[in-house]
């Protein structure tokens, strides 16, 4: 049968192990919080990037439309310049 000193030592060892586990859980939670913050930042960055890509696509499409309008204007001006008046008979 264990003596009271042995039981006290065993209890103290168990208590120390529980404290170590508690500290490990706290450290793990801190790491999880940090990882969650990093993931949140990455998601926000991805969302900003998606918005920027969308705006870039819209600006490119608008620029293409403007270029088409400019080319149409040049074509119309060229056609107007080539119109010869019909001689009156």
PDB file of N, CA and C in Angstrom:
ATOM      1  N   UNK A   1       0.844  -1.175   0.000  1.00  0.00           N
ATOM      2  CA  UNK A   1       0.000   0.000   0.000  1.00  0.00           C
ATOM      3  C   UNK A   1       0.890   1.238   0.000  1.00  0.00           C
ATOM      4  N   UNK A   2       0.437   2.273  -0.768  1.00  0.00           N
ATOM      5  CA  UNK A   2       1.238   3.484  -0.904  1.00  0.00           C
ATOM      6  C   UNK A   2       1.140   4.315   0.361  1.00  0.00           C
ATOM      7  N   UNK A   3       2.268   4.949   0.669  1.00  0.00           N
ATOM      8  CA  UNK A   3       2.294   5.837   1.831  1.00  0.00           C
ATOM      9  C   UNK A   3       1.679   7.172   1.444  1.00  0.00           C
ATOM     10  N   UNK A   4       1.409   7.981   2.426  1.00  0.00           N
ATOM     11  CA  UNK A   4       0.814   9.293   2.164  1.00  0.00           C
ATOM     12  C   UNK A   4       1.778  10.178   1.375  1.00  0.00           C
ATOM     13  N   UNK A   5       3.099  10.020   1.635  1.00  0.00           N
ATOM     14  CA  UNK A   5       4.076  10.805   0.863  1.00  0.00           C
ATOM     15  C   UNK A   5       4.053  10.390  -0.614  1.00  0.00           C
ATOM     16  N   UNK A   6       3.921   9.084  -0.857  1.00  0.00           N
ATOM     17  CA  UNK A   6       3.867   8.609  -2.243  1.00  0.00           C
ATOM     18  C   UNK A   6       2.593   9.099  -2.936  1.00  0.00           C
ATOM     19  N   UNK A   7       1.493   9.069  -2.217  1.00  0.00           N
ATOM     20  CA  UNK A   7       0.233   9.555  -2.787  1.00  0.00           C
ATOM     21  C   UNK A   7       0.304  11.054  -3.065  1.00  0.00           C
ATOM     22  N   UNK A   8       0.921  11.796  -2.136  1.00  0.00           N
ATOM     23  CA  UNK A   8       1.075  13.243  -2.304  1.00  0.00           C
ATOM     24  C   UNK A   8       1.958  13.526  -3.519  1.00  0.00           C
ATOM     25  N   UNK A   9       3.031  12.780  -3.655  1.00  0.00           N
ATOM     26  CA  UNK A   9       3.935  12.957  -4.807  1.00  0.00           C
ATOM     27  C   UNK A   9       3.198  12.631  -6.099  1.00  0.00           C
ATOM     28  N   UNK A  10       2.444  11.550  -6.121  1.00  0.00           N
ATOM     29  CA  UNK A  10       1.688  11.165  -7.309  1.00  0.00           C
ATOM     30  C   UNK A  10       0.639  12.230  -7.646  1.00  0.00           C
ATOM     31  N   UNK A  11      -0.033  12.744  -6.645  1.00  0.00           N
ATOM     32  CA  UNK A  11      -1.027  13.788  -6.851  1.00  0.00           C
ATOM     33  C   UNK A  11      -0.372  15.043  -7.416  1.00  0.00           C
ATOM     34  N   UNK A  12       0.778  15.411  -6.857  1.00  0.00           N
ATOM     35  CA  UNK A  12       1.510  16.593  -7.329  1.00  0.00           C
ATOM     36  C   UNK A  12       1.940  16.400  -8.785  1.00  0.00           C
ATOM     37  N   UNK A  13       2.403  15.192  -9.111  1.00  0.00           N
ATOM     38  CA  UNK A  13       2.802  14.910 -10.498  1.00  0.00           C
ATOM     39  C   UNK A  13       1.609  15.045 -11.449  1.00  0.00           C
ATOM     40  N   UNK A  14       0.460  14.510 -11.017  1.00  0.00           N
ATOM     41  CA  UNK A  14      -0.755  14.606 -11.836  1.00  0.00           C
ATOM     42  C   UNK A  14      -1.170  16.062 -12.001  1.00  0.00           C
ATOM     43  N   UNK A  15      -1.107  16.817 -10.917  1.00  0.00           N
ATOM     44  CA  UNK A  15      -1.461  18.243 -10.955  1.00  0.00           C
ATOM     45  C   UNK A  15      -0.542  18.989 -11.916  1.00  0.00           C
ATOM     46  N   UNK A  16       0.767  18.687 -11.870  1.00  0.00           N
ATOM     47  CA  UNK A  16       1.727  19.341 -12.780  1.00  0.00           C
ATOM     48  C   UNK A  16       1.435  18.986 -14.237  1.00  0.00           C
ATOM     49  N   UNK A  17       1.079  17.738 -14.485  1.00  0.00           N
ATOM     50  CA  UNK A  17       0.739  17.309 -15.843  1.00  0.00           C
ATOM     51  C   UNK A  17      -0.514  18.027 -16.340  1.00  0.00           C
ATOM     52  N   UNK A  18      -1.486  18.195 -15.467  1.00  0.00           N
ATOM     53  CA  UNK A  18      -2.714  18.913 -15.835  1.00  0.00           C
ATOM     54  C   UNK A  18      -2.391  20.366 -16.171  1.00  0.00           C
ATOM     55  N   UNK A  19      -1.508  20.989 -15.389  1.00  0.00           N
ATOM     56  CA  UNK A  19      -1.102  22.379 -15.664  1.00  0.00           C
ATOM     57  C   UNK A  19      -0.399  22.464 -17.019  1.00  0.00           C
ATOM     58  N   UNK A  20       0.464  21.477 -17.307  1.00  0.00           N
ATOM     59  CA  UNK A  20       1.149  21.461 -18.602  1.00  0.00           C
ATOM     60  C   UNK A  20       0.157  21.315 -19.746  1.00  0.00           C
ATOM     61  N   UNK A  21      -0.841  20.435 -19.558  1.00  0.00           N
ATOM     62  CA  UNK A  21      -1.875  20.261 -20.575  1.00  0.00           C
ATOM     63  C   UNK A  21      -2.674  21.540 -20.767  1.00  0.00           C
ATOM     64  N   UNK A  22      -2.988  22.195 -19.664  1.00  0.00           N
ATOM     65  CA  UNK A  22      -3.733  23.453 -19.729  1.00  0.00           C
ATOM     66  C   UNK A  22      -2.932  24.491 -20.518  1.00  0.00           C
ATOM     67  N   UNK A  23      -1.638  24.590 -20.234  1.00  0.00           N
ATOM     68  CA  UNK A  23      -0.788  25.535 -20.966  1.00  0.00           C
ATOM     69  C   UNK A  23      -0.730  25.179 -22.460  1.00  0.00           C
ATOM     70  N   UNK A  24      -0.687  23.879 -22.742  1.00  0.00           N
ATOM     71  CA  UNK A  24      -0.660  23.446 -24.146  1.00  0.00           C
ATOM     72  C   UNK A  24      -1.948  23.820 -24.858  1.00  0.00           C
ATOM     73  N   UNK A  25      -3.073  23.653 -24.171  1.00  0.00           N
ATOM     74  CA  UNK A  25      -4.366  24.021 -24.768  1.00  0.00           C
ATOM     75  C   UNK A  25      -4.411  25.524 -25.026  1.00  0.00           C
ATOM     76  N   UNK A  26      -3.938  26.307 -24.072  1.00  0.00           N
ATOM     77  CA  UNK A  26      -3.917  27.768 -24.247  1.00  0.00           C
ATOM     78  C   UNK A  26      -3.044  28.144 -25.439  1.00  0.00           C
ATOM     79  N   UNK A  27      -1.861  27.518 -25.547  1.00  0.00           N
ATOM     80  CA  UNK A  27      -0.974  27.789 -26.683  1.00  0.00           C
ATOM     81  C   UNK A  27      -1.634  27.390 -27.999  1.00  0.00           C
ATOM     82  N   UNK A  28      -2.307  26.235 -28.006  1.00  0.00           N
ATOM     83  CA  UNK A  28      -2.994  25.783 -29.217  1.00  0.00           C
ATOM     84  C   UNK A  28      -4.093  26.757 -29.609  1.00  0.00           C
ATOM     85  N   UNK A  29      -4.842  27.232 -28.635  1.00  0.00           N
ATOM     86  CA  UNK A  29      -5.909  28.204 -28.921  1.00  0.00           C
ATOM     87  C   UNK A  29      -5.331  29.491 -29.484  1.00  0.00           C
ATOM     88  N   UNK A  30      -4.201  29.920 -28.930  1.00  0.00           N
ATOM     89  CA  UNK A  30      -3.546  31.129 -29.439  1.00  0.00           C
ATOM     90  C   UNK A  30      -3.122  30.929 -30.885  1.00  0.00           C
ATOM     91  N   UNK A  31      -2.542  29.760 -31.175  1.00  0.00           N
ATOM     92  CA  UNK A  31      -2.137  29.475 -32.553  1.00  0.00           C
ATOM     93  C   UNK A  31      -3.356  29.432 -33.477  1.00  0.00           C
ATOM     94  N   UNK A  32      -4.440  28.820 -33.010  1.00  0.00           N
ATOM     95  CA  UNK A  32      -5.656  28.768 -33.829  1.00  0.00           C
ATOM     96  C   UNK A  32      -6.221  30.162 -34.077  1.00  0.00           C
ATOM     97  N   UNK A  33      -6.186  31.016 -33.076  1.00  0.00           N
ATOM     98  CA  UNK A  33      -6.654  32.395 -33.254  1.00  0.00           C
ATOM     99  C   UNK A  33      -5.803  33.113 -34.292  1.00  0.00           C
ATOM    100  N   UNK A  34      -4.484  32.919 -34.200  1.00  0.00           N
ATOM    101  CA  UNK A  34      -3.581  33.560 -35.172  1.00  0.00           C
ATOM    102  C   UNK A  34      -3.834  33.037 -36.583  1.00  0.00           C
ATOM    103  N   UNK A  35      -4.030  31.729 -36.704  1.00  0.00           N
ATOM    104  CA  UNK A  35      -4.312  31.144 -38.015  1.00  0.00           C
ATOM    105  C   UNK A  35      -5.639  31.681 -38.554  1.00  0.00           C
ATOM    106  N   UNK A  36      -6.642  31.790 -37.678  1.00  0.00           N
ATOM    107  CA  UNK A  36      -7.939  32.326 -38.094  1.00  0.00           C
ATOM    108  C   UNK A  36      -7.798  33.763 -38.578  1.00  0.00           C
ATOM    109  N   UNK A  37      -7.009  34.567 -37.873  1.00  0.00           N
ATOM    110  CA  UNK A  37      -6.790  35.954 -38.297  1.00  0.00           C
ATOM    111  C   UNK A  37      -6.106  35.995 -39.657  1.00  0.00           C
ATOM    112  N   UNK A  38      -5.102  35.127 -39.851  1.00  0.00           N
ATOM    113  CA  UNK A  38      -4.407  35.102 -41.139  1.00  0.00           C
ATOM    114  C   UNK A  38      -5.347  34.684 -42.266  1.00  0.00           C
ATOM    115  N   UNK A  39      -6.186  33.674 -42.005  1.00  0.00           N
ATOM    116  CA  UNK A  39      -7.146  33.237 -43.021  1.00  0.00           C
ATOM    117  C   UNK A  39      -8.151  34.339 -43.349  1.00  0.00           C
ATOM    118  N   UNK A  40      -8.575  35.062 -42.326  1.00  0.00           N
ATOM    119  CA  UNK A  40      -9.494  36.184 -42.552  1.00  0.00           C
ATOM    120  C   UNK A  40      -8.843  37.235 -43.443  1.00  0.00           C
ATOM    121  N   UNK A  41      -7.573  37.546 -43.146  1.00  0.00           N
ATOM    122  CA  UNK A  41      -6.846  38.528 -43.961  1.00  0.00           C
ATOM    123  C   UNK A  41      -6.703  38.033 -45.403  1.00  0.00           C
ATOM    124  N   UNK A  42      -6.394  36.740 -45.563  1.00  0.00           N
ATOM    125  CA  UNK A  42      -6.262  36.181 -46.910  1.00  0.00           C
ATOM    126  C   UNK A  42      -7.587  36.243 -47.658  1.00  0.00           C
ATOM    127  N   UNK A  43      -8.692  35.927 -46.966  1.00  0.00           N
ATOM    128  CA  UNK A  43     -10.005  35.990 -47.598  1.00  0.00           C
ATOM    129  C   UNK A  43     -10.354  37.417 -48.009  1.00  0.00           C
ATOM    130  N   UNK A  44     -10.026  38.381 -47.145  1.00  0.00           N
ATOM    131  CA  UNK A  44     -10.284  39.778 -47.479  1.00  0.00           C
ATOM    132  C   UNK A  44      -9.449  40.183 -48.692  1.00  0.00           C
ATOM    133  N   UNK A  45      -8.202  39.740 -48.705  1.00  0.00           N
ATOM    134  CA  UNK A  45      -7.325  40.045 -49.832  1.00  0.00           C
ATOM    135  C   UNK A  45      -7.845  39.410 -51.115  1.00  0.00           C
ATOM    136  N   UNK A  46      -8.309  38.177 -51.024  1.00  0.00           N
ATOM    137  CA  UNK A  46      -8.866  37.494 -52.195  1.00  0.00           C
ATOM    138  C   UNK A  46     -10.106  38.224 -52.698  1.00  0.00           C
ATOM    139  N   UNK A  47     -10.925  38.701 -51.789  1.00  0.00           N
ATOM    140  CA  UNK A  47     -12.133  39.434 -52.184  1.00  0.00           C
ATOM    141  C   UNK A  47     -11.761  40.741 -52.887  1.00  0.00           C
ATOM    142  N   UNK A  48     -10.761  41.449 -52.335  1.00  0.00           N
ATOM    143  CA  UNK A  48     -10.304  42.686 -52.983  1.00  0.00           C
ATOM    144  C   UNK A  48      -9.740  42.382 -54.369  1.00  0.00           C
ATOM    145  N   UNK A  49      -9.000  41.301 -54.471  1.00  0.00           N
ATOM    146  CA  UNK A  49      -8.419  40.921 -55.752  1.00  0.00           C
ATOM    147  C   UNK A  49      -9.513  40.579 -56.759  1.00  0.00           C
ATOM    148  N   UNK A  50     -10.537  39.877 -56.308  1.00  0.00           N
ATOM    149  CA  UNK A  50     -11.654  39.542 -57.198  1.00  0.00           C
ATOM    150  C   UNK A  50     -12.351  40.808 -57.687  1.00  0.00           C
ATOM    151  N   UNK A  51     -12.556  41.772 -56.777  1.00  0.00           N
ATOM    152  CA  UNK A  51     -13.177  43.041 -57.173  1.00  0.00           C
ATOM    153  C   UNK A  51     -12.293  43.782 -58.175  1.00  0.00           C
ATOM    154  N   UNK A  52     -10.982  43.770 -57.922  1.00  0.00           N
ATOM    155  CA  UNK A  52     -10.050  44.442 -58.837  1.00  0.00           C
ATOM    156  C   UNK A  52     -10.072  43.773 -60.212  1.00  0.00           C
ATOM    157  N   UNK A  53     -10.119  42.453 -60.233  1.00  0.00           N
ATOM    158  CA  UNK A  53     -10.189  41.745 -61.515  1.00  0.00           C
ATOM    159  C   UNK A  53     -11.481  42.067 -62.252  1.00  0.00           C
ATOM    160  N   UNK A  54     -12.583  42.156 -61.516  1.00  0.00           N
ATOM    161  CA  UNK A  54     -13.864  42.499 -62.119  1.00  0.00           C
ATOM    162  C   UNK A  54     -13.821  43.902 -62.719  1.00  0.00           C
ATOM    163  N   UNK A  55     -13.269  44.852 -61.951  1.00  0.00           N
ATOM    164  CA  UNK A  55     -13.150  46.224 -62.455  1.00  0.00           C
ATOM    165  C   UNK A  55     -12.243  46.277 -63.677  1.00  0.00           C
ATOM    166  N   UNK A  56     -11.151  45.517 -63.628  1.00  0.00           N
ATOM    167  CA  UNK A  56     -10.229  45.493 -64.762  1.00  0.00           C
ATOM    168  C   UNK A  56     -10.928  44.959 -66.008  1.00  0.00           C
ATOM    169  N   UNK A  57     -11.721  43.892 -65.829  1.00  0.00           N
ATOM    170  CA  UNK A  57     -12.456  43.331 -66.960  1.00  0.00           C
ATOM    171  C   UNK A  57     -13.430  44.358 -67.527  1.00  0.00           C
ATOM    172  N   UNK A  58     -14.156  45.058 -66.637  1.00  0.00           N
ATOM    173  CA  UNK A  58     -15.123  46.058 -67.092  1.00  0.00           C
ATOM    174  C   UNK A  58     -14.421  47.218 -67.800  1.00  0.00           C
ATOM    175  N   UNK A  59     -13.290  47.643 -67.251  1.00  0.00           N
ATOM    176  CA  UNK A  59     -12.552  48.735 -67.895  1.00  0.00           C
ATOM    177  C   UNK A  59     -12.016  48.311 -69.252  1.00  0.00           C
ATOM    178  N   UNK A  60     -11.532  47.075 -69.343  1.00  0.00           N
ATOM    179  CA  UNK A  60     -11.032  46.567 -70.622  1.00  0.00           C
ATOM    180  C   UNK A  60     -12.160  46.509 -71.643  1.00  0.00           C
ATOM    181  N   UNK A  61     -13.328  46.021 -71.223  1.00  0.00           N
ATOM    182  CA  UNK A  61     -14.474  45.950 -72.127  1.00  0.00           C
ATOM    183  C   UNK A  61     -14.887  47.354 -72.573  1.00  0.00           C
ATOM    184  N   UNK A  62     -14.904  48.297 -71.649  1.00  0.00           N
ATOM    185  CA  UNK A  62     -15.263  49.684 -71.982  1.00  0.00           C
ATOM    186  C   UNK A  62     -14.247  50.269 -72.945  1.00  0.00           C
ATOM    187  N   UNK A  63     -12.973  50.005 -72.708  1.00  0.00           N
ATOM    188  CA  UNK A  63     -11.917  50.499 -73.587  1.00  0.00           C
ATOM    189  C   UNK A  63     -12.064  49.901 -74.982  1.00  0.00           C
ATOM    190  N   UNK A  64     -12.385  48.614 -75.056  1.00  0.00           N
ATOM    191  CA  UNK A  64     -12.609  47.966 -76.351  1.00  0.00           C
ATOM    192  C   UNK A  64     -13.785  48.614 -77.079  1.00  0.00           C
ATOM    193  N   UNK A  65     -14.853  48.917 -76.334  1.00  0.00           N
ATOM    194  CA  UNK A  65     -16.020  49.572 -76.947  1.00  0.00           C
ATOM    195  C   UNK A  65     -15.639  50.958 -77.460  1.00  0.00           C
ATOM    196  N   UNK A  66     -14.851  51.697 -76.674  1.00  0.00           N
ATOM    197  CA  UNK A  66     -14.422  53.031 -77.114  1.00  0.00           C
ATOM    198  C   UNK A  66     -13.562  52.939 -78.369  1.00  0.00           C
ATOM    199  N   UNK A  67     -12.682  51.948 -78.406  1.00  0.00           N
ATOM    200  CA  UNK A  67     -11.848  51.771 -79.598  1.00  0.00           C
ATOM    201  C   UNK A  67     -12.705  51.444 -80.817  1.00  0.00           C
ATOM    202  N   UNK A  68     -13.734  50.628 -80.639  1.00  0.00           N
ATOM    203  CA  UNK A  68     -14.647  50.299 -81.736  1.00  0.00           C
ATOM    204  C   UNK A  68     -15.377  51.552 -82.208  1.00  0.00           C
ATOM    205  N   UNK A  69     -15.837  52.373 -81.258  1.00  0.00           N
ATOM    206  CA  UNK A  69     -16.520  53.625 -81.626  1.00  0.00           C
ATOM    207  C   UNK A  69     -15.582  54.566 -82.385  1.00  0.00           C
ATOM    208  N   UNK A  70     -14.344  54.652 -81.929  1.00  0.00           N
ATOM    209  CA  UNK A  70     -13.372  55.516 -82.625  1.00  0.00           C
ATOM    210  C   UNK A  70     -13.133  55.019 -84.044  1.00  0.00           C
ATOM    211  N   UNK A  71     -12.989  53.716 -84.198  1.00  0.00           N
ATOM    212  CA  UNK A  71     -12.766  53.148 -85.532  1.00  0.00           C
ATOM    213  C   UNK A  71     -13.976  53.381 -86.431  1.00  0.00           C
ATOM    214  N   UNK A  72     -15.184  53.238 -85.859  1.00  0.00           N
ATOM    215  CA  UNK A  72     -16.398  53.508 -86.634  1.00  0.00           C
ATOM    216  C   UNK A  72     -16.454  54.969 -87.067  1.00  0.00           C
ATOM    217  N   UNK A  73     -16.036  55.866 -86.174  1.00  0.00           N
ATOM    218  CA  UNK A  73     -16.026  57.292 -86.512  1.00  0.00           C
ATOM    219  C   UNK A  73     -15.046  57.556 -87.656  1.00  0.00           C
ATOM    220  N   UNK A  74     -13.862  56.934 -87.576  1.00  0.00           N
ATOM    221  CA  UNK A  74     -12.873  57.102 -88.656  1.00  0.00           C
ATOM    222  C   UNK A  74     -13.437  56.565 -89.972  1.00  0.00           C
ATOM    223  N   UNK A  75     -14.086  55.406 -89.910  1.00  0.00           N
ATOM    224  CA  UNK A  75     -14.667  54.817 -91.127  1.00  0.00           C
ATOM    225  C   UNK A  75     -15.721  55.735 -91.738  1.00  0.00           C
ATOM    226  N   UNK A  76     -16.575  56.307 -90.878  1.00  0.00           N
ATOM    227  CA  UNK A  76     -17.632  57.204 -91.369  1.00  0.00           C
ATOM    228  C   UNK A  76     -17.012  58.457 -91.984  1.00  0.00           C
ATOM    229  N   UNK A  77     -15.981  59.006 -91.328  1.00  0.00           N
ATOM    230  CA  UNK A  77     -15.321  60.200 -91.865  1.00  0.00           C
ATOM    231  C   UNK A  77     -14.664  59.894 -93.218  1.00  0.00           C
ATOM    232  N   UNK A  78     -14.073  58.699 -93.311  1.00  0.00           N
ATOM    233  CA  UNK A  78     -13.437  58.311 -94.573  1.00  0.00           C
ATOM    234  C   UNK A  78     -14.493  58.164 -95.675  1.00  0.00           C
ATOM    235  N   UNK A  79     -15.613  57.536 -95.325  1.00  0.00           N
ATOM    236  CA  UNK A  79     -16.692  57.387 -96.300  1.00  0.00           C
ATOM    237  C   UNK A  79     -17.236  58.750 -96.718  1.00  0.00           C
ATOM    238  N   UNK A  80     -17.405  59.651 -95.765  1.00  0.00           N
ATOM    239  CA  UNK A  80     -17.898  60.994 -96.078  1.00  0.00           C
ATOM    240  C   UNK A  80     -16.936  61.717 -97.010  1.00  0.00           C
ATOM    241  N   UNK A  81     -15.638  61.535 -96.749  1.00  0.00           N
ATOM    242  CA  UNK A  81     -14.642  62.214 -97.579  1.00  0.00           C
ATOM    243  C   UNK A  81     -14.636  61.648 -98.989  1.00  0.00           C
ATOM    244  N   UNK A  82     -15.016  60.422 -99.163  1.00  0.00           N
ATOM    245  CA  UNK A  82     -14.990  59.777-100.483  1.00  0.00           C
ATOM    246  C   UNK A  82     -16.275  59.985-101.278  1.00  0.00           C
ATOM    247  N   UNK A  83     -17.254  60.588-100.674  1.00  0.00           N
ATOM    248  CA  UNK A  83     -18.509  60.820-101.388  1.00  0.00           C
ATOM    249  C   UNK A  83     -18.274  61.896-102.435  1.00  0.00           C
ATOM    250  N   UNK A  84     -18.566  61.564-103.660  1.00  0.00           N
ATOM    251  CA  UNK A  84     -18.426  62.518-104.767  1.00  0.00           C
ATOM    252  C   UNK A  84     -19.818  63.030-105.123  1.00  0.00           C
ATOM    253  N   UNK A  85     -19.925  64.324-105.270  1.00  0.00           N
ATOM    254  CA  UNK A  85     -21.243  64.833-105.671  1.00  0.00           C
ATOM    255  C   UNK A  85     -21.602  64.331-107.068  1.00  0.00           C
ATOM    256  N   UNK A  86     -22.860  64.042-107.258  1.00  0.00           N
ATOM    257  CA  UNK A  86     -23.337  63.583-108.570  1.00  0.00           C
ATOM    258  C   UNK A  86     -23.493  64.802-109.494  1.00  0.00           C
ATOM    259  N   UNK A  87     -22.950  64.667-110.661  1.00  0.00           N
ATOM    260  CA  UNK A  87     -23.130  65.798-111.576  1.00  0.00           C
ATOM    261  C   UNK A  87     -24.617  65.946-111.963  1.00  0.00           C
ATOM    262  N   UNK A  88     -25.024  67.173-112.062  1.00  0.00           N
ATOM    263  CA  UNK A  88     -26.429  67.384-112.404  1.00  0.00           C
ATOM    264  C   UNK A  88     -26.585  67.272-113.924  1.00  0.00           C
ATOM    265  N   UNK A  89     -27.590  66.638-114.324  1.00  0.00           N
ATOM    266  CA  UNK A  89     -27.813  66.457-115.753  1.00  0.00           C
ATOM    267  C   UNK A  89     -28.965  67.242-116.287  1.00  0.00           C
TER     268      UNK A  89
END
